[in-house]
Amino acid sequence: MVLTLERRLKFTRLVAITMGTPLASSVFLSIIIMVLLVGSLINLVLAVLISTVIVVLVSFAYGELVSIYPSAAGNRIFLKKPIGNTLALSLSVMWIIAILGAAGTEAYMAGNVLHYLVGSIPPIFWAILILTLVVFINILGVEISGNFQMIITLFVVISLILVSIYSIFFVKSVQPVAMGQINWFSIFSASAVSVYFFLGFGRVTTLGEEAIDFKKGIPRAMPLGIVLIGVTFILASIAIFERVPLDVLRTTVIPQIVLGKYILAGTQLPILIGIISIVMSFSAFNAGILGTSRLVYALGREGTFPKFLGKIQTRFLTPYVSLLFLYVIVLFITVVVFVTGNYSVIVLVAAAFDSFMYGLVGYAALWHHRKLKREEIPFYVKGAIPFFLIAITVFILFGILLLITSSVYVAIIVILGTVFLTIFYWALYKSGRLGKR
């Protein structure tokens, strides 16, 4: 008997998983970068609004693609026909690497927050503990991890919105705040960085084999989740911009805790911000591991990755080997981040590569939209071609902007990593070690 994944995920769980990976406490690190870039409140708000709208457009592209290919392979299958097998594979692997790098940054953030709350225990211990618990929950079954995701996502969104509203409207600013003048270069630079707010939302598409209604459930869950994320982080960004001094932001790796200290001084509530941040880390790890493990499982199943990664646990019907495989890699990345203390390069690499990937997904959707008959696309978006063209153009420009304005290491990692993987897999196909997939 061949074991397969089970269809257990309902619509509400899919919305929660869409939001789960982006609702990471490491997002606050990207807020620091944005605030230092924008110079004014109006630029900050416009930057997040633009990225939210553009990500919604690319979610329509993902929606059409996952309704055609409800596969755990996700981007690997979506890109295969439009750009070719080898490049689709190398980009999918690079996408996994970028996401795992972001997971290491998230562990770094979570460890530092818990160390702040419980100072006697080293931060790296907490990072490892959170990772271990999340992987264990995921091995126990997709329904359990989906329910867990829904609960923690609801808690995080409500808590962040309430704290941000309280900060904006009921706390005196620590510095003069004016809307300022519009600077479009600053806006688009910051908007490119704020792509990190939505990092990995597309991983929900790797659950096409486990969603009860993959034809409509996943496509509708993504834009709803993205809008909720956008609203949440617009408010959080404004709160941090208005209430935390810039010189403090330049020297902290836990701006959400600093925000709590400024707006809730004299009470025990700053600890609440720490609790919210830790739950955000659980949310990001759970949704991220859930989605990425399915892509690794699919690549193992097809023989592109080692076959053992395509195994399924007999009792819980989860890809336990791919989960453990990712666990080891993220642990290694986490240690590297703790040793170096450098998180900005990883954040910018993830944002840049995600921008290019979203642009390519827009192209893949455009290609299928024009090649296939309407009845062959279960989730057909009317008038979608202009949306896809906008998403393609803007995200490619975002990716280029991030490469030319960031540290040279960001460009080296994104470009050389993609080139190396493409040559590597091309050589494997040419030698016959990988058959045509």
Foldseek 3Di string as FASTA:
>chain_A
DDFAFAADDELLLLLLLLQLQLLALLLVVLLLVLLVLQVALLLLLLLLVVLLVLQLLLLLLQLLQLLLPLALQRQQVLQPVVPHNLLSVLLSVLLLVLSLLVLLSRLVQLLVLVCVVVVVDHSLVRSLVLLVVLLVQQLQAPNSLSVLSSVLSVVLLVVLVVLLVCLVPPFAFPDDHDRDDDDVVSSLLSSLLCNSSSFPSSLSSSCSNHHPCSNPSNSVSNSVSSVSSSVSVSSNSSSLSGHPDSVVSVPDSRSQLVSLCRRVPPDPCSVVSSVSNNSSSSSSSNSSLNRSLSSQLVCLVQPVPPVLQVDADPPHRGSSVSSVVSSVSSSVSNVVCVVVVDSPLSSLLSSLSVLQSSLSSLVSSLVCLVPDDPVSRSSDDPPSNVSSVVSNVSSNVSNVSSCVPDPVVSVCCNVVSSVVSSVVVVVCPVVVVRDDD
